[in-house]
Amino acid sequence: MQAGSKPHDDRTGVSAIGGLGAQARGASGRLLPEIWMQDGAKGVEQALARLLCAEDDGETELMAAMRYATLHGGKRTRALLCLAAGALADTPAHVLEDVGAAIEMIHACTLVHDDLPAMDNDVLRRGLPTVHVKFGEATAILVGDALQAHAFLTLASLDAPGDNRIALVRELAQAVSAEGAAGGQAKDLSLVGKHVELDRIVAMHRMKSGALVRASVRMGALCAITEDAAHAALYSALDRYSACFGLALQVVDDILDATADAAALGKTPGKDAAAQKPTCASIMGLQAARQFALDLLRDAGEAIAPLGPRAEPLAQMLQRATAYLLKHAPCA
């Protein structure tokens, strides 16, 4: 599909989701999320391993640390959102997997930098020592810098029309700019120890973590669908979906930080309270925050309902998030 073309309503199962065919659908014809998500994540993992394949020169461990930061676990939620949105058009699987890998590089960059002593000062990530603990603080800083560069090199080298590549680069850059994750992290640090209104916490979350979720969804579509007047309704629906989904994910993270243990979290629990960081959970209370997240996931589903069967993978991402919340943050 060329830039500017309309979304493709793929009813055969042959879609951009990891290149899956009929095997991704059950007898009813509906997509089987456990298959396409597993295969999609595997495709992104393989893309990451291929794109971050250079060997270190024997004098540094930079590439080894970059691979450690990206290839040691993670739910790949952002990459899967990209793949799910890619089902809106007949985008080649290898293109979507590389875009998903670029998004995961940026996500890993933000995590490595967030974990630094000058930021959140955490020693665990995905159940393993954080990058600065294992490789040193200086290497961790360079890992974040290099992953960001490699993400944009990946997008610039995509097998896609130039206009699409430019749109993807712009979208990802915006997500980590002063108006996105970097600005959100600055706001987060500025709120430590303060009593603030909920709307300020929500605004910070929409920048710090929500901007990359928004970019992940939009980039799946931008691989093949130009954002123009003809597709204004589509992008409006995707923006509402991603705004609700991204905030819900952060609210769930706030709840689990206060309730889960290190084994479940894969990182140090209770850090928000210890650092006197205001969160949705601390301001609203756990049960209200849980309901807030459920309402946000419901609203995200309503946003994409008009898109019909093409949005089934995006709807299944919501179902997975809802199931995770109900399992790990049950009613008291």
Protein backbone atom coordinates (compact mmCIF):
# COMPACT_ATOMS: atom_id res chain seq x y z
CA MET A 1 0.00 0.00 0.00
CA GLN A 2 1.38 3.36 -0.97
CA ALA A 3 1.36 6.53 1.09
CA GLY A 4 -2.03 8.17 1.15
CA SER A 5 -3.97 5.00 0.40
CA LYS A 6 -6.98 3.99 2.43
CA PRO A 7 -6.90 1.40 5.21
CA HIS A 8 -7.20 -2.16 4.03
CA ASP A 9 -9.96 -4.27 5.58
CA ASP A 10 -8.16 -7.58 5.84
CA ARG A 11 -10.67 -10.35 6.56
CA THR A 12 -8.44 -13.25 5.50
CA GLY A 13 -5.96 -13.19 8.36
CA VAL A 14 -3.12 -12.25 6.00
CA SER A 15 -2.14 -8.98 7.60
CA ALA A 16 0.77 -6.88 8.76
CA ILE A 17 0.64 -8.45 12.21
CA GLY A 18 3.91 -10.34 12.15
CA GLY A 19 3.05 -11.60 8.66
CA LEU A 20 0.53 -14.04 10.12
CA GLY A 21 -1.90 -15.84 7.89
CA ALA A 22 -4.87 -18.09 8.53
CA GLN A 23 -3.09 -19.79 11.42
CA ALA A 24 -3.64 -16.61 13.44
CA ARG A 25 -7.40 -17.15 13.38
CA GLY A 26 -9.60 -19.66 15.12
CA ALA A 27 -12.53 -21.60 13.70
CA SER A 28 -14.77 -18.55 14.19
CA GLY A 29 -12.49 -16.46 11.99
CA ARG A 30 -11.45 -14.22 14.88
CA LEU A 31 -7.82 -13.39 15.49
CA LEU A 32 -6.19 -15.49 18.21
CA PRO A 33 -4.31 -12.97 20.36
CA GLU A 34 -2.03 -15.54 21.96
CA ILE A 35 -0.69 -16.42 18.50
CA TRP A 36 -0.23 -13.05 16.85
CA MET A 37 1.11 -11.40 20.00
CA GLN A 38 3.62 -14.17 20.61
CA ASP A 39 4.76 -14.26 17.00
CA GLY A 40 4.76 -10.48 16.73
CA ALA A 41 6.93 -10.10 19.82
CA LYS A 42 9.26 -12.79 18.48
CA GLY A 43 9.60 -10.92 15.19
CA VAL A 44 10.48 -7.70 17.02
CA GLU A 45 13.02 -9.56 19.19
CA GLN A 46 14.66 -10.92 16.06
CA ALA A 47 14.73 -7.44 14.53
CA LEU A 48 16.37 -6.03 17.67
CA ALA A 49 19.00 -8.78 17.67
CA ARG A 50 19.74 -8.08 13.99
CA LEU A 51 19.83 -4.31 14.32
CA LEU A 52 22.04 -4.38 17.43
CA CYS A 53 24.52 -6.95 16.18
CA ALA A 54 27.86 -5.11 16.04
CA GLU A 55 30.58 -6.52 18.26
CA ASP A 56 32.43 -4.39 20.78
CA ASP A 57 36.00 -3.49 19.97
CA GLY A 58 37.43 -5.19 23.04
CA GLU A 59 37.99 -1.88 24.78
CA THR A 60 34.36 -1.13 25.67
CA GLU A 61 31.15 -2.99 26.48
CA LEU A 62 28.82 -0.50 24.84
CA MET A 63 27.08 -2.83 22.39
CA ALA A 64 26.88 -5.62 24.96
CA ALA A 65 25.21 -3.18 27.34
CA MET A 66 22.82 -2.00 24.61
CA ARG A 67 21.77 -5.57 23.93
CA TYR A 68 21.44 -6.22 27.65
CA ALA A 69 19.10 -3.23 27.93
CA THR A 70 16.87 -4.32 25.06
CA LEU A 71 16.97 -8.12 24.75
CA HIS A 72 16.46 -9.24 28.34
CA GLY A 73 12.70 -9.44 28.68
CA GLY A 74 9.83 -6.98 28.59
CA LYS A 75 6.20 -7.35 27.49
CA ARG A 76 6.85 -5.45 24.22
CA THR A 77 3.54 -3.64 24.68
CA ARG A 78 4.58 -0.63 22.60
CA ALA A 79 5.87 -2.72 19.71
CA LEU A 80 2.70 -4.82 19.76
CA LEU A 81 0.60 -1.66 19.66
CA CYS A 82 2.52 -0.65 16.56
CA LEU A 83 1.89 -4.04 14.96
CA ALA A 84 -1.78 -3.91 15.94
CA ALA A 85 -2.23 -0.49 14.35
CA GLY A 86 -0.38 -1.78 11.31
CA ALA A 87 -3.34 -4.13 10.74
CA LEU A 88 -5.23 -1.04 9.55
CA ALA A 89 -3.23 -1.24 6.32
CA ASP A 90 -1.47 -3.89 4.31
CA THR A 91 1.99 -3.03 5.64
CA PRO A 92 4.78 -5.60 5.13
CA ALA A 93 5.60 -7.45 8.33
CA HIS A 94 9.33 -6.76 8.14
CA VAL A 95 8.68 -3.02 8.04
CA LEU A 96 6.43 -3.10 11.08
CA GLU A 97 8.89 -5.28 12.99
CA ASP A 98 11.71 -2.83 12.36
CA VAL A 99 9.51 0.08 13.42
CA GLY A 100 8.55 -1.86 16.53
CA ALA A 101 12.23 -2.50 17.23
CA ALA A 102 12.99 1.22 16.92
CA ILE A 103 10.21 1.99 19.39
CA GLU A 104 11.57 -0.61 21.82
CA MET A 105 15.06 0.92 21.54
CA ILE A 106 13.62 4.29 22.56
CA HIS A 107 11.64 2.67 25.37
CA ALA A 108 14.79 0.94 26.63
CA CYS A 109 16.65 4.26 26.42
CA THR A 110 14.09 5.94 28.68
CA LEU A 111 14.23 3.06 31.17
CA VAL A 112 18.02 3.04 31.33
CA HIS A 113 18.10 6.79 31.96
CA ASP A 114 15.17 6.69 34.41
CA ASP A 115 17.01 4.08 36.49
CA LEU A 116 20.15 6.23 36.88
CA PRO A 117 21.08 7.48 40.35
CA ALA A 118 20.32 11.06 39.32
CA MET A 119 16.78 10.03 38.29
CA ASP A 120 14.87 7.18 39.97
CA ASN A 121 18.00 5.41 41.26
CA ASP A 122 16.76 1.85 40.82
CA VAL A 123 18.85 -1.30 40.96
CA LEU A 124 16.38 -3.73 39.33
CA ARG A 125 14.74 -3.74 35.92
CA ARG A 126 12.86 -6.72 34.48
CA GLY A 127 14.17 -8.77 37.38
CA LEU A 128 17.83 -8.09 36.52
CA PRO A 129 20.41 -5.56 37.72
CA THR A 130 19.89 -2.23 35.99
CA VAL A 131 22.36 -1.22 33.31
CA HIS A 132 24.26 1.24 35.49
CA VAL A 133 24.61 -1.40 38.22
CA LYS A 134 25.97 -4.03 35.81
CA PHE A 135 28.04 -1.85 33.47
CA GLY A 136 28.62 1.40 35.34
CA GLU A 137 26.89 4.76 35.28
CA ALA A 138 28.92 6.27 32.42
CA THR A 139 28.21 3.29 30.16
CA ALA A 140 24.51 3.45 31.05
CA ILE A 141 24.34 7.08 29.94
CA LEU A 142 26.03 6.18 26.67
CA VAL A 143 23.70 3.19 26.20
CA GLY A 144 20.69 5.49 26.31
CA ASP A 145 22.30 7.93 23.90
CA ALA A 146 23.30 5.18 21.46
CA LEU A 147 19.94 3.41 21.56
CA GLN A 148 18.21 6.66 20.67
CA ALA A 149 20.56 7.15 17.71
CA HIS A 150 20.11 3.56 16.54
CA ALA A 151 16.33 3.93 16.71
CA PHE A 152 16.39 6.84 14.29
CA LEU A 153 18.95 5.13 12.05
CA THR A 154 16.55 2.19 11.86
CA LEU A 155 13.64 4.40 10.80
CA ALA A 156 15.78 6.27 8.26
CA SER A 157 16.79 2.95 6.67
CA LEU A 158 13.31 1.41 6.42
CA ASP A 159 12.09 -0.26 3.28
CA ALA A 160 9.39 2.38 2.91
CA PRO A 161 8.71 5.55 0.87
CA GLY A 162 10.65 8.63 1.95
CA ASP A 163 7.58 10.55 3.09
CA ASN A 164 6.57 7.71 5.37
CA ARG A 165 10.05 7.49 6.86
CA ILE A 166 10.06 11.23 7.56
CA ALA A 167 6.66 10.99 9.26
CA LEU A 168 7.87 8.11 11.42
CA VAL A 169 11.07 9.90 12.43
CA ARG A 170 9.11 13.05 13.30
CA GLU A 171 6.59 11.06 15.35
CA LEU A 172 9.19 9.24 17.42
CA ALA A 173 11.28 12.38 17.94
CA GLN A 174 8.22 14.22 19.21
CA ALA A 175 7.52 11.42 21.67
CA VAL A 176 10.88 11.81 23.42
CA SER A 177 11.24 15.57 23.11
CA ALA A 178 10.76 18.28 25.74
CA GLU A 179 7.06 17.98 24.92
CA GLY A 180 7.17 14.22 25.44
CA ALA A 181 9.14 11.81 27.60
CA ALA A 182 12.03 14.15 28.44
CA GLY A 183 9.68 16.92 29.48
CA GLY A 184 7.53 14.47 31.39
CA GLN A 185 10.53 13.16 33.32
CA ALA A 186 11.51 16.72 34.20
CA LYS A 187 7.99 17.37 35.49
CA ASP A 188 8.07 14.12 37.45
CA LEU A 189 11.27 15.14 39.21
CA SER A 190 9.88 18.60 39.94
CA LEU A 191 6.84 17.14 41.74
CA VAL A 192 8.78 15.05 44.28
CA GLY A 193 7.72 15.84 47.83
CA LYS A 194 4.88 18.12 46.76
CA HIS A 195 1.13 17.93 47.24
CA VAL A 196 -0.37 18.43 43.79
CA GLU A 197 -3.72 18.10 42.08
CA LEU A 198 -4.58 14.99 40.11
CA ASP A 199 -4.71 16.87 36.81
CA ARG A 200 -1.01 17.75 37.13
CA ILE A 201 -0.12 14.10 37.65
CA VAL A 202 -2.22 13.10 34.65
CA ALA A 203 -0.57 15.78 32.50
CA MET A 204 2.87 14.56 33.54
CA HIS A 205 2.01 10.92 32.79
CA ARG A 206 0.66 11.83 29.35
CA MET A 207 4.10 13.24 28.57
CA LYS A 208 6.45 10.89 30.39
CA SER A 209 5.01 7.53 29.34
CA GLY A 210 1.88 8.36 27.36
CA ALA A 211 3.69 10.11 24.52
CA LEU A 212 5.55 6.95 23.50
CA VAL A 213 2.36 4.88 23.65
CA ARG A 214 0.68 7.46 21.41
CA ALA A 215 3.62 7.36 19.01
CA SER A 216 3.60 3.55 18.94
CA VAL A 217 -0.03 3.45 17.80
CA ARG A 218 0.33 6.28 15.32
CA MET A 219 3.53 4.85 13.84
CA GLY A 220 1.82 1.57 13.05
CA ALA A 221 -0.62 3.50 10.91
CA LEU A 222 1.91 6.00 9.54
CA CYS A 223 3.87 3.18 7.92
CA ALA A 224 1.27 3.22 5.15
CA ILE A 225 -1.51 5.73 5.83
CA THR A 226 -0.83 9.42 5.37
CA GLU A 227 -2.22 11.66 8.08
CA ASP A 228 -4.35 14.03 6.03
CA ALA A 229 -7.91 15.29 5.80
CA ALA A 230 -9.07 12.02 4.26
CA HIS A 231 -7.88 10.09 7.30
CA ALA A 232 -8.64 12.64 10.01
CA ALA A 233 -11.31 10.45 11.64
CA LEU A 234 -8.94 7.49 11.76
CA TYR A 235 -6.16 9.40 13.49
CA SER A 236 -8.61 11.06 15.85
CA ALA A 237 -9.81 7.62 16.94
CA LEU A 238 -6.24 6.36 17.33
CA ASP A 239 -5.25 9.40 19.37
CA ARG A 240 -8.16 8.96 21.76
CA TYR A 241 -7.41 5.25 22.04
CA SER A 242 -3.74 5.78 22.78
CA ALA A 243 -4.36 8.64 25.23
CA CYS A 244 -6.66 6.44 27.29
CA PHE A 245 -4.53 3.31 26.97
CA GLY A 246 -1.26 5.08 27.78
CA LEU A 247 -2.66 6.71 30.91
CA ALA A 248 -4.25 3.43 32.02
CA LEU A 249 -0.90 1.65 31.76
CA GLN A 250 0.72 4.25 33.99
CA VAL A 251 -2.08 4.12 36.56
CA VAL A 252 -1.67 0.34 36.71
CA ASP A 253 2.06 0.81 37.20
CA ASP A 254 1.36 3.23 40.07
CA ILE A 255 -0.95 0.69 41.71
CA LEU A 256 1.50 -2.17 41.37
CA ASP A 257 4.36 -0.08 42.75
CA ALA A 258 2.31 0.25 45.93
CA THR A 259 1.01 -3.33 46.11
CA ALA A 260 3.24 -5.83 44.28
CA ASP A 261 6.55 -7.40 45.27
CA ALA A 262 9.85 -7.32 43.40
CA ALA A 263 9.26 -10.73 41.82
CA ALA A 264 6.00 -9.58 40.24
CA LEU A 265 7.24 -6.13 39.28
CA GLY A 266 10.71 -7.01 38.06
CA LYS A 267 11.89 -3.82 39.77
CA THR A 268 12.06 -2.38 43.26
CA PRO A 269 8.55 -1.93 44.72
CA GLY A 270 7.46 0.97 46.89
CA LYS A 271 9.86 3.43 45.31
CA ASP A 272 7.22 6.07 44.62
CA ALA A 273 6.25 6.31 48.27
CA ALA A 274 9.87 6.13 49.44
CA ALA A 275 10.79 8.97 47.10
CA GLN A 276 7.69 10.97 48.07
CA LYS A 277 6.47 11.00 44.49
CA PRO A 278 2.78 11.83 44.08
CA THR A 279 0.95 9.33 41.85
CA CYS A 280 -2.59 8.66 40.75
CA ALA A 281 -2.74 5.82 43.28
CA SER A 282 -1.50 7.93 46.20
CA ILE A 283 -3.88 10.80 45.41
CA MET A 284 -6.98 8.79 44.49
CA GLY A 285 -6.50 5.73 46.65
CA LEU A 286 -5.92 2.23 45.30
CA GLN A 287 -9.53 1.23 44.60
CA ALA A 288 -10.41 4.52 42.90
CA ALA A 289 -7.23 4.32 40.84
CA ARG A 290 -8.08 0.76 39.81
CA GLN A 291 -11.53 1.85 38.64
CA PHE A 292 -9.99 4.84 36.86
CA ALA A 293 -7.74 2.49 34.89
CA LEU A 294 -10.67 0.22 34.00
CA ASP A 295 -12.69 3.22 32.84
CA LEU A 296 -9.80 4.41 30.69
CA LEU A 297 -9.47 1.00 29.03
CA ARG A 298 -13.21 0.98 28.36
CA ASP A 299 -13.01 4.47 26.83
CA ALA A 300 -10.13 3.33 24.63
CA GLY A 301 -12.30 0.51 23.32
CA GLU A 302 -15.12 2.92 22.55
CA ALA A 303 -12.71 5.12 20.60
CA ILE A 304 -11.85 2.40 18.08
CA ALA A 305 -15.30 0.81 17.85
CA PRO A 306 -16.15 2.79 14.67
CA LEU A 307 -13.11 1.30 12.93
CA GLY A 308 -14.75 -2.12 12.84
CA PRO A 309 -12.95 -5.45 12.37
CA ARG A 310 -9.74 -3.78 11.23
CA ALA A 311 -9.21 -2.65 14.82
CA GLU A 312 -9.58 -6.12 16.33
CA PRO A 313 -5.87 -6.38 17.27
CA LEU A 314 -6.03 -3.01 19.03
CA ALA A 315 -9.10 -4.19 20.93
CA GLN A 316 -7.26 -7.36 21.94
CA MET A 317 -4.44 -5.27 23.38
CA LEU A 318 -7.03 -3.65 25.63
CA GLN A 319 -8.35 -7.04 26.66
CA ARG A 320 -4.85 -8.16 27.61
CA ALA A 321 -4.28 -5.01 29.68
CA THR A 322 -7.63 -5.41 31.43
CA ALA A 323 -6.91 -9.05 32.27
CA TYR A 324 -3.50 -8.08 33.65
CA LEU A 325 -5.04 -5.39 35.85
CA LEU A 326 -7.74 -7.70 37.19
CA LYS A 327 -5.19 -10.41 37.95
CA HIS A 328 -2.48 -8.30 39.57
CA ALA A 329 -4.62 -5.59 41.19
CA PRO A 330 -7.80 -7.36 42.34
CA CYS A 331 -10.45 -5.67 44.44
CA ALA A 332 -9.53 -5.37 48.11
